[in-house]
Amino acid sequence: FAEGLGFEDAFFDFAFSVDVIHHVNNRAGYFREAYRVLRPQGLLATVTDSEDTIRRRMPLAFYFPEIIEHELKRYPALTQLKTFSEEAGFEVIGEEIAETPFELADTEKYERKAFSCLRLISEEAFAVGIARMKRDLRHGSISCVSRNYLFWNKKPANQCVEQTA
């Protein structure tokens, strides 16, 4: 569980999660635990989706538009990520979108519902999307872009606190 990693304090220099945060029940706990296991100046990368990347998913949002509302409910708003990370003690040091173009040549991963969002829509909506995808693939591969939102945090360096007598 992201909220209880089982490592000692200040164990890692770098921690990351990819497409995990929307499955975490206690997101504030995720950031607190990451802060605990990172050394001073350690980095945390949370790779997730934003509202924009969810709405622009190609091919998922294009062929299965019914997933969008489900995904917007599952994924935390970026403002929540910032709040939780800052409350845990992190500095926000960067945000970026990573884009990777690819060519979709078959429906195999989609037909076996390898993407969890496909399990959230009706069988009818799923069948319609698969049929459209197969129809378009008869004309050649489908140009797609994978987009991920990267949220970067840094644990501050230890600070000496001057004590007065």
Foldseek 3Di string as FASTA:
>chain_A
DLLPDPDQFQQDQEEEDAACQLVDPDNLSNLLSVLRNHHAFGKYKYKHDELVLLCQFPPCCVLQVVLSVVVVVSDDHPVVNVVSNVVSQWDFDDKDKDKDKDWAQACVCLVVPVDVSLVVDDPVSSVSSNVVCVVVNVVPTDIGMRMIMITMITHHHDDDDDDDD
